[in-house]
C-alpha atoms as a PDB file:
ATOM      1  CA  UNK A   1      68.028  19.400  89.939  1.00  0.00           C
ATOM      2  CA  UNK A   2      71.806  19.642  89.956  1.00  0.00           C
ATOM      3  CA  UNK A   3      73.873  19.910  86.765  1.00  0.00           C
ATOM      4  CA  UNK A   4      75.157  16.357  87.201  1.00  0.00           C
ATOM      5  CA  UNK A   5      71.636  14.989  87.521  1.00  0.00           C
ATOM      6  CA  UNK A   6      70.572  16.944  84.442  1.00  0.00           C
ATOM      7  CA  UNK A   7      73.437  15.466  82.413  1.00  0.00           C
ATOM      8  CA  UNK A   8      72.657  11.961  83.679  1.00  0.00           C
ATOM      9  CA  UNK A   9      68.988  12.350  82.749  1.00  0.00           C
ATOM     10  CA  UNK A  10      69.878  13.324  79.185  1.00  0.00           C
ATOM     11  CA  UNK A  11      72.182  10.338  78.877  1.00  0.00           C
ATOM     12  CA  UNK A  12      69.396   7.985  79.918  1.00  0.00           C
ATOM     13  CA  UNK A  13      66.432   9.590  78.133  1.00  0.00           C
ATOM     14  CA  UNK A  14      66.105   8.853  74.379  1.00  0.00           C
ATOM     15  CA  UNK A  15      67.328  11.773  72.278  1.00  0.00           C
ATOM     16  CA  UNK A  16      64.830  14.203  70.773  1.00  0.00           C
ATOM     17  CA  UNK A  17      65.866  17.138  68.618  1.00  0.00           C
ATOM     18  CA  UNK A  18      65.830  20.273  70.788  1.00  0.00           C
ATOM     19  CA  UNK A  19      64.449  22.255  67.862  1.00  0.00           C
ATOM     20  CA  UNK A  20      61.619  20.103  66.477  1.00  0.00           C
ATOM     21  CA  UNK A  21      61.466  17.001  68.731  1.00  0.00           C
ATOM     22  CA  UNK A  22      62.486  14.558  65.978  1.00  0.00           C
ATOM     23  CA  UNK A  23      63.428  11.296  67.648  1.00  0.00           C
ATOM     24  CA  UNK A  24      66.886   9.686  67.908  1.00  0.00           C
ATOM     25  CA  UNK A  25      68.905  12.885  67.627  1.00  0.00           C
ATOM     26  CA  UNK A  26      69.489  15.973  69.749  1.00  0.00           C
ATOM     27  CA  UNK A  27      69.906  18.177  66.640  1.00  0.00           C
ATOM     28  CA  UNK A  28      68.417  17.194  63.279  1.00  0.00           C
ATOM     29  CA  UNK A  29      69.613  18.184  59.803  1.00  0.00           C
ATOM     30  CA  UNK A  30      66.498  20.231  59.083  1.00  0.00           C
ATOM     31  CA  UNK A  31      66.960  22.396  62.179  1.00  0.00           C
ATOM     32  CA  UNK A  32      70.660  22.773  61.376  1.00  0.00           C
ATOM     33  CA  UNK A  33      69.836  24.277  57.981  1.00  0.00           C
ATOM     34  CA  UNK A  34      67.458  26.828  59.516  1.00  0.00           C
ATOM     35  CA  UNK A  35      70.138  28.493  61.664  1.00  0.00           C
ATOM     36  CA  UNK A  36      73.298  28.232  59.539  1.00  0.00           C
ATOM     37  CA  UNK A  37      73.244  31.795  58.211  1.00  0.00           C
ATOM     38  CA  UNK A  38      76.097  33.951  59.573  1.00  0.00           C
ATOM     39  CA  UNK A  39      75.271  37.666  59.826  1.00  0.00           C
ATOM     40  CA  UNK A  40      77.693  40.584  59.691  1.00  0.00           C
ATOM     41  CA  UNK A  41      77.261  43.668  61.859  1.00  0.00           C
ATOM     42  CA  UNK A  42      79.286  46.087  63.992  1.00  0.00           C
ATOM     43  CA  UNK A  43      79.812  46.768  67.705  1.00  0.00           C
ATOM     44  CA  UNK A  44      81.851  49.749  68.858  1.00  0.00           C
ATOM     45  CA  UNK A  45      83.275  50.083  65.360  1.00  0.00           C
ATOM     46  CA  UNK A  46      84.405  46.450  65.174  1.00  0.00           C
ATOM     47  CA  UNK A  47      83.096  43.992  62.573  1.00  0.00           C
ATOM     48  CA  UNK A  48      81.017  41.271  64.195  1.00  0.00           C
ATOM     49  CA  UNK A  49      79.805  37.968  62.748  1.00  0.00           C
ATOM     50  CA  UNK A  50      76.927  36.134  64.403  1.00  0.00           C
ATOM     51  CA  UNK A  51      76.398  32.530  63.381  1.00  0.00           C
ATOM     52  CA  UNK A  52      72.652  32.883  63.960  1.00  0.00           C
ATOM     53  CA  UNK A  53      70.065  35.075  65.602  1.00  0.00           C
ATOM     54  CA  UNK A  54      69.201  33.654  69.003  1.00  0.00           C
ATOM     55  CA  UNK A  55      65.515  33.167  68.552  1.00  0.00           C
ATOM     56  CA  UNK A  56      63.385  30.120  67.919  1.00  0.00           C
ATOM     57  CA  UNK A  57      65.401  27.039  67.022  1.00  0.00           C
ATOM     58  CA  UNK A  58      68.827  28.643  67.499  1.00  0.00           C
ATOM     59  CA  UNK A  59      67.883  29.836  70.974  1.00  0.00           C
ATOM     60  CA  UNK A  60      66.585  26.367  71.843  1.00  0.00           C
ATOM     61  CA  UNK A  61      69.945  24.923  70.786  1.00  0.00           C
ATOM     62  CA  UNK A  62      71.992  27.256  72.977  1.00  0.00           C
ATOM     63  CA  UNK A  63      69.769  26.922  76.047  1.00  0.00           C
ATOM     64  CA  UNK A  64      69.663  23.132  75.775  1.00  0.00           C
ATOM     65  CA  UNK A  65      73.467  23.043  75.787  1.00  0.00           C
ATOM     66  CA  UNK A  66      74.109  25.677  78.442  1.00  0.00           C
ATOM     67  CA  UNK A  67      71.205  25.211  80.844  1.00  0.00           C
ATOM     68  CA  UNK A  68      69.987  21.636  80.288  1.00  0.00           C
ATOM     69  CA  UNK A  69      73.455  20.091  80.101  1.00  0.00           C
ATOM     70  CA  UNK A  70      73.024  18.326  76.746  1.00  0.00           C
ATOM     71  CA  UNK A  71      76.725  18.181  75.943  1.00  0.00           C
ATOM     72  CA  UNK A  72      76.104  16.326  72.662  1.00  0.00           C
ATOM     73  CA  UNK A  73      75.132  19.744  71.279  1.00  0.00           C
ATOM     74  CA  UNK A  74      78.693  20.993  71.646  1.00  0.00           C
ATOM     75  CA  UNK A  75      79.546  19.738  68.153  1.00  0.00           C
ATOM     76  CA  UNK A  76      76.805  21.593  66.208  1.00  0.00           C
ATOM     77  CA  UNK A  77      77.545  24.755  68.171  1.00  0.00           C
ATOM     78  CA  UNK A  78      81.263  24.395  67.384  1.00  0.00           C
ATOM     79  CA  UNK A  79      80.383  24.002  63.702  1.00  0.00           C
ATOM     80  CA  UNK A  80      78.335  27.212  63.834  1.00  0.00           C
ATOM     81  CA  UNK A  81      81.283  29.014  65.413  1.00  0.00           C
ATOM     82  CA  UNK A  82      83.752  27.751  62.812  1.00  0.00           C
ATOM     83  CA  UNK A  83      81.390  28.869  60.042  1.00  0.00           C
ATOM     84  CA  UNK A  84      81.220  32.339  61.574  1.00  0.00           C
ATOM     85  CA  UNK A  85      85.020  32.476  61.873  1.00  0.00           C
ATOM     86  CA  UNK A  86      85.426  31.587  58.194  1.00  0.00           C
ATOM     87  CA  UNK A  87      82.978  34.351  57.224  1.00  0.00           C
ATOM     88  CA  UNK A  88      84.637  37.007  59.377  1.00  0.00           C
ATOM     89  CA  UNK A  89      86.471  39.666  57.323  1.00  0.00           C
ATOM     90  CA  UNK A  90      89.388  39.662  59.787  1.00  0.00           C
ATOM     91  CA  UNK A  91      89.811  35.882  60.090  1.00  0.00           C
ATOM     92  CA  UNK A  92      92.695  35.643  57.614  1.00  0.00           C
ATOM     93  CA  UNK A  93      94.777  38.080  59.697  1.00  0.00           C
ATOM     94  CA  UNK A  94      93.865  36.746  63.134  1.00  0.00           C
ATOM     95  CA  UNK A  95      96.552  34.939  65.131  1.00  0.00           C
ATOM     96  CA  UNK A  96      93.996  33.202  67.305  1.00  0.00           C
ATOM     97  CA  UNK A  97      90.752  33.621  69.195  1.00  0.00           C
ATOM     98  CA  UNK A  98      90.175  34.859  72.729  1.00  0.00           C
ATOM     99  CA  UNK A  99      87.067  33.485  74.399  1.00  0.00           C
ATOM    100  CA  UNK A 100      85.339  35.559  77.042  1.00  0.00           C
ATOM    101  CA  UNK A 101      85.618  33.160  79.995  1.00  0.00           C
ATOM    102  CA  UNK A 102      82.666  31.999  82.043  1.00  0.00           C
ATOM    103  CA  UNK A 103      82.322  33.674  85.406  1.00  0.00           C
ATOM    104  CA  UNK A 104      83.013  31.524  88.442  1.00  0.00           C
ATOM    105  CA  UNK A 105      79.290  31.610  89.233  1.00  0.00           C
ATOM    106  CA  UNK A 106      78.311  30.345  85.758  1.00  0.00           C
ATOM    107  CA  UNK A 107      81.001  27.670  85.747  1.00  0.00           C
ATOM    108  CA  UNK A 108      79.850  26.321  89.119  1.00  0.00           C
ATOM    109  CA  UNK A 109      76.212  26.334  88.025  1.00  0.00           C
ATOM    110  CA  UNK A 110      76.794  24.552  84.695  1.00  0.00           C
ATOM    111  CA  UNK A 111      79.884  22.531  85.496  1.00  0.00           C
ATOM    112  CA  UNK A 112      81.717  23.720  82.362  1.00  0.00           C
ATOM    113  CA  UNK A 113      82.752  26.823  80.400  1.00  0.00           C
ATOM    114  CA  UNK A 114      80.173  26.876  77.589  1.00  0.00           C
ATOM    115  CA  UNK A 115      81.910  29.222  75.138  1.00  0.00           C
ATOM    116  CA  UNK A 116      85.390  27.885  75.892  1.00  0.00           C
ATOM    117  CA  UNK A 117      84.451  24.295  75.110  1.00  0.00           C
ATOM    118  CA  UNK A 118      82.647  25.283  71.904  1.00  0.00           C
ATOM    119  CA  UNK A 119      85.741  27.152  70.673  1.00  0.00           C
ATOM    120  CA  UNK A 120      88.278  24.422  71.428  1.00  0.00           C
ATOM    121  CA  UNK A 121      89.602  22.375  68.524  1.00  0.00           C
ATOM    122  CA  UNK A 122      88.976  24.868  65.739  1.00  0.00           C
ATOM    123  CA  UNK A 123      91.316  26.081  63.012  1.00  0.00           C
ATOM    124  CA  UNK A 124      92.572  29.020  65.102  1.00  0.00           C
ATOM    125  CA  UNK A 125      94.225  28.466  68.502  1.00  0.00           C
ATOM    126  CA  UNK A 126      92.366  29.555  71.618  1.00  0.00           C
ATOM    127  CA  UNK A 127      94.505  32.017  73.583  1.00  0.00           C
ATOM    128  CA  UNK A 128      93.655  32.233  77.326  1.00  0.00           C
ATOM    129  CA  UNK A 129      94.197  35.986  77.503  1.00  0.00           C
ATOM    130  CA  UNK A 130      91.177  37.173  79.530  1.00  0.00           C
ATOM    131  CA  UNK A 131      90.368  36.754  83.213  1.00  0.00           C
ATOM    132  CA  UNK A 132      87.778  38.171  85.581  1.00  0.00           C
ATOM    133  CA  UNK A 133      89.339  40.430  88.221  1.00  0.00           C
ATOM    134  CA  UNK A 134      86.236  41.291  90.210  1.00  0.00           C
ATOM    135  CA  UNK A 135      82.809  39.850  90.905  1.00  0.00           C
ATOM    136  CA  UNK A 136      79.894  41.180  88.848  1.00  0.00           C
ATOM    137  CA  UNK A 137      76.148  41.056  89.254  1.00  0.00           C
ATOM    138  CA  UNK A 138      74.054  38.769  86.996  1.00  0.00           C
ATOM    139  CA  UNK A 139      73.429  40.707  83.776  1.00  0.00           C
ATOM    140  CA  UNK A 140      69.906  39.432  83.046  1.00  0.00           C
ATOM    141  CA  UNK A 141      68.200  41.785  85.492  1.00  0.00           C
ATOM    142  CA  UNK A 142      70.062  44.914  84.347  1.00  0.00           C
ATOM    143  CA  UNK A 143      69.271  47.480  81.659  1.00  0.00           C
ATOM    144  CA  UNK A 144      71.781  48.597  79.014  1.00  0.00           C
ATOM    145  CA  UNK A 145      73.469  51.339  81.069  1.00  0.00           C
ATOM    146  CA  UNK A 146      73.593  49.200  84.203  1.00  0.00           C
ATOM    147  CA  UNK A 147      75.189  46.308  82.271  1.00  0.00           C
ATOM    148  CA  UNK A 148      78.008  48.539  81.055  1.00  0.00           C
ATOM    149  CA  UNK A 149      78.592  49.915  84.566  1.00  0.00           C
ATOM    150  CA  UNK A 150      78.464  46.410  86.047  1.00  0.00           C
ATOM    151  CA  UNK A 151      81.200  45.167  83.696  1.00  0.00           C
ATOM    152  CA  UNK A 152      83.411  48.246  83.624  1.00  0.00           C
ATOM    153  CA  UNK A 153      86.930  47.173  84.625  1.00  0.00           C
ATOM    154  CA  UNK A 154      85.799  43.615  85.409  1.00  0.00           C
ATOM    155  CA  UNK A 155      88.187  41.943  82.940  1.00  0.00           C
ATOM    156  CA  UNK A 156      91.965  42.030  82.656  1.00  0.00           C
ATOM    157  CA  UNK A 157      94.027  40.665  79.796  1.00  0.00           C
ATOM    158  CA  UNK A 158      97.424  39.323  78.861  1.00  0.00           C
ATOM    159  CA  UNK A 159      98.851  41.004  75.775  1.00  0.00           C
ATOM    160  CA  UNK A 160      98.264  38.999  72.616  1.00  0.00           C
ATOM    161  CA  UNK A 161      98.496  39.713  68.906  1.00  0.00           C
ATOM    162  CA  UNK A 162      95.631  40.302  66.515  1.00  0.00           C
ATOM    163  CA  UNK A 163      92.733  38.162  67.711  1.00  0.00           C
ATOM    164  CA  UNK A 164      89.042  37.531  67.292  1.00  0.00           C
ATOM    165  CA  UNK A 165      86.980  37.866  70.465  1.00  0.00           C
ATOM    166  CA  UNK A 166      84.429  35.082  70.950  1.00  0.00           C
ATOM    167  CA  UNK A 167      81.361  35.013  73.166  1.00  0.00           C
ATOM    168  CA  UNK A 168      78.452  32.582  73.101  1.00  0.00           C
ATOM    169  CA  UNK A 169      75.471  34.943  73.369  1.00  0.00           C
ATOM    170  CA  UNK A 170      75.184  38.713  73.271  1.00  0.00           C
ATOM    171  CA  UNK A 171      72.374  41.054  74.248  1.00  0.00           C
ATOM    172  CA  UNK A 172      73.645  44.635  74.591  1.00  0.00           C
ATOM    173  CA  UNK A 173      77.304  44.007  73.695  1.00  0.00           C
ATOM    174  CA  UNK A 174      78.569  45.192  77.099  1.00  0.00           C
ATOM    175  CA  UNK A 175      80.651  42.061  77.732  1.00  0.00           C
ATOM    176  CA  UNK A 176      82.269  42.194  74.293  1.00  0.00           C
ATOM    177  CA  UNK A 177      83.107  45.883  74.735  1.00  0.00           C
ATOM    178  CA  UNK A 178      84.710  45.186  78.117  1.00  0.00           C
ATOM    179  CA  UNK A 179      86.757  42.333  76.651  1.00  0.00           C
ATOM    180  CA  UNK A 180      88.019  44.532  73.816  1.00  0.00           C
ATOM    181  CA  UNK A 181      88.888  47.310  76.291  1.00  0.00           C
ATOM    182  CA  UNK A 182      90.894  44.890  78.434  1.00  0.00           C
ATOM    183  CA  UNK A 183      92.789  43.496  75.435  1.00  0.00           C
ATOM    184  CA  UNK A 184      93.646  46.935  74.131  1.00  0.00           C
ATOM    185  CA  UNK A 185      94.716  48.133  77.586  1.00  0.00           C
ATOM    186  CA  UNK A 186      97.117  45.198  77.813  1.00  0.00           C
ATOM    187  CA  UNK A 187      98.883  46.259  74.630  1.00  0.00           C
ATOM    188  CA  UNK A 188      97.221  43.604  72.491  1.00  0.00           C
ATOM    189  CA  UNK A 189      94.977  44.095  69.487  1.00  0.00           C
ATOM    190  CA  UNK A 190      91.333  43.083  69.330  1.00  0.00           C
ATOM    191  CA  UNK A 191      90.943  42.696  65.588  1.00  0.00           C
ATOM    192  CA  UNK A 192      87.260  41.988  65.762  1.00  0.00           C
ATOM    193  CA  UNK A 193      84.450  40.693  67.866  1.00  0.00           C
ATOM    194  CA  UNK A 194      82.746  37.457  66.949  1.00  0.00           C
ATOM    195  CA  UNK A 195      80.191  35.247  68.624  1.00  0.00           C
ATOM    196  CA  UNK A 196      78.429  32.020  67.776  1.00  0.00           C
ATOM    197  CA  UNK A 197      74.983  33.411  68.500  1.00  0.00           C
ATOM    198  CA  UNK A 198      73.545  36.890  68.848  1.00  0.00           C
ATOM    199  CA  UNK A 199      70.239  37.796  70.411  1.00  0.00           C
ATOM    200  CA  UNK A 200      68.466  40.195  68.048  1.00  0.00           C
END
């Protein structure tokens, strides 16, 4: 089924919460309360805030948005991101956020940039500072070392000020590390890494 057909199907089929199957809504209040717990950690020495651990209900939410095309879930995901930004220790000093862009392959498959659309419209401006400069292999089939090698040098950046780096999901942190490397190489400052959802 193509992405457009998937979106059309979800517009025609009555909504059911992607977490618990409650009728008449794609995301119920009860499920929202179970995932709204930002968590602080570190990657490569940078403070990281995850809006939720990507397991159970939170994982269902992300996959329904990214892979099933339920665009109505953009709002709750954006709210999770904004909550994580507010809780980040560097947020008060950040000049904006830099979203790790979708690869061309992912954008063609989904029809949209998942993380970019979640981040738009928040309190901090989204700065389009990162771009892919070479094709990479799909990360899912690679181990930790292979993911880092696959992404090494794959991103380039335009110099920006002190920013938060945003990604939608993280497994090993290889993509975030590459984004921070590119920003620093450009003369900019990656104040911190931040993502709406982290896979624990």
